[in-house]
């Protein structure tokens, strides 16, 4: 089960939310 995560962009240092839906999408893509 995925949960929303707040991540920091390695390039620009901005915070962004990596949502559960996005995590599931990328997990399916491999």
N, C-alpha and C. Protein backbone atom coordinates (compact mmCIF):
# COMPACT_ATOMS: atom_id res chain seq x y z
N UNK A 1 0.85 -1.20 0.00
CA UNK A 1 0.00 0.00 0.00
C UNK A 1 0.88 1.25 0.00
N UNK A 2 0.55 2.16 -0.87
CA UNK A 2 1.34 3.38 -1.00
C UNK A 2 0.73 4.51 -0.18
N UNK A 3 1.59 5.41 0.28
CA UNK A 3 1.14 6.62 0.96
C UNK A 3 1.79 7.82 0.30
N UNK A 4 1.12 8.97 0.39
CA UNK A 4 1.70 10.18 -0.17
C UNK A 4 2.99 10.53 0.57
N UNK A 5 4.00 10.93 -0.18
CA UNK A 5 5.28 11.30 0.42
C UNK A 5 5.67 12.68 -0.06
N UNK A 6 6.24 13.47 0.84
CA UNK A 6 6.80 14.75 0.44
C UNK A 6 8.28 14.55 0.17
N UNK A 7 8.68 14.80 -1.05
CA UNK A 7 10.06 14.61 -1.47
C UNK A 7 10.68 15.95 -1.83
N UNK A 8 12.01 15.97 -1.82
CA UNK A 8 12.73 17.19 -2.21
C UNK A 8 13.40 16.94 -3.55
N UNK A 9 13.19 17.85 -4.48
CA UNK A 9 13.80 17.73 -5.80
C UNK A 9 15.31 17.83 -5.68
N UNK A 10 16.01 16.85 -6.25
CA UNK A 10 17.48 16.86 -6.18
C UNK A 10 18.07 17.99 -7.01
N UNK A 11 17.39 18.37 -8.09
CA UNK A 11 17.91 19.40 -8.98
C UNK A 11 17.67 20.81 -8.45
N UNK A 12 16.42 21.08 -8.02
CA UNK A 12 16.08 22.46 -7.67
C UNK A 12 15.86 22.68 -6.18
N UNK A 13 15.77 21.59 -5.39
CA UNK A 13 15.60 21.72 -3.96
C UNK A 13 14.18 22.02 -3.51
N UNK A 14 13.24 22.03 -4.46
CA UNK A 14 11.85 22.31 -4.11
C UNK A 14 11.18 21.06 -3.54
N UNK A 15 10.25 21.26 -2.60
CA UNK A 15 9.48 20.15 -2.06
C UNK A 15 8.30 19.86 -2.99
N UNK A 16 8.00 18.59 -3.18
CA UNK A 16 6.82 18.23 -3.95
C UNK A 16 6.23 16.96 -3.37
N UNK A 17 4.95 16.72 -3.64
CA UNK A 17 4.27 15.55 -3.12
C UNK A 17 4.28 14.45 -4.16
N UNK A 18 4.80 13.30 -3.78
CA UNK A 18 4.77 12.10 -4.61
C UNK A 18 3.58 11.28 -4.11
N UNK A 19 2.46 11.38 -4.81
CA UNK A 19 1.22 10.80 -4.31
C UNK A 19 1.19 9.28 -4.44
N UNK A 20 0.30 8.67 -3.68
CA UNK A 20 0.13 7.22 -3.72
C UNK A 20 -0.20 6.76 -5.14
N UNK A 21 -1.06 7.50 -5.83
CA UNK A 21 -1.43 7.15 -7.20
C UNK A 21 -0.25 7.18 -8.14
N UNK A 22 0.61 8.18 -7.99
CA UNK A 22 1.80 8.28 -8.83
C UNK A 22 2.77 7.13 -8.55
N UNK A 23 2.94 6.81 -7.27
CA UNK A 23 3.83 5.71 -6.91
C UNK A 23 3.35 4.40 -7.53
N UNK A 24 2.05 4.18 -7.50
CA UNK A 24 1.48 2.97 -8.07
C UNK A 24 1.70 2.95 -9.59
N UNK A 25 1.51 4.10 -10.23
CA UNK A 25 1.71 4.23 -11.67
C UNK A 25 3.15 3.89 -12.06
N UNK A 26 4.11 4.46 -11.36
CA UNK A 26 5.52 4.21 -11.68
C UNK A 26 5.93 2.78 -11.33
N UNK A 27 5.34 2.20 -10.29
CA UNK A 27 5.63 0.81 -9.94
C UNK A 27 5.18 -0.12 -11.07
N UNK A 28 4.04 0.18 -11.69
CA UNK A 28 3.55 -0.63 -12.80
C UNK A 28 4.45 -0.49 -14.02
N UNK A 29 4.98 0.71 -14.24
CA UNK A 29 5.86 0.97 -15.39
C UNK A 29 7.21 0.29 -15.23
N UNK A 30 7.60 0.05 -13.97
CA UNK A 30 8.88 -0.59 -13.71
C UNK A 30 9.97 0.44 -13.64
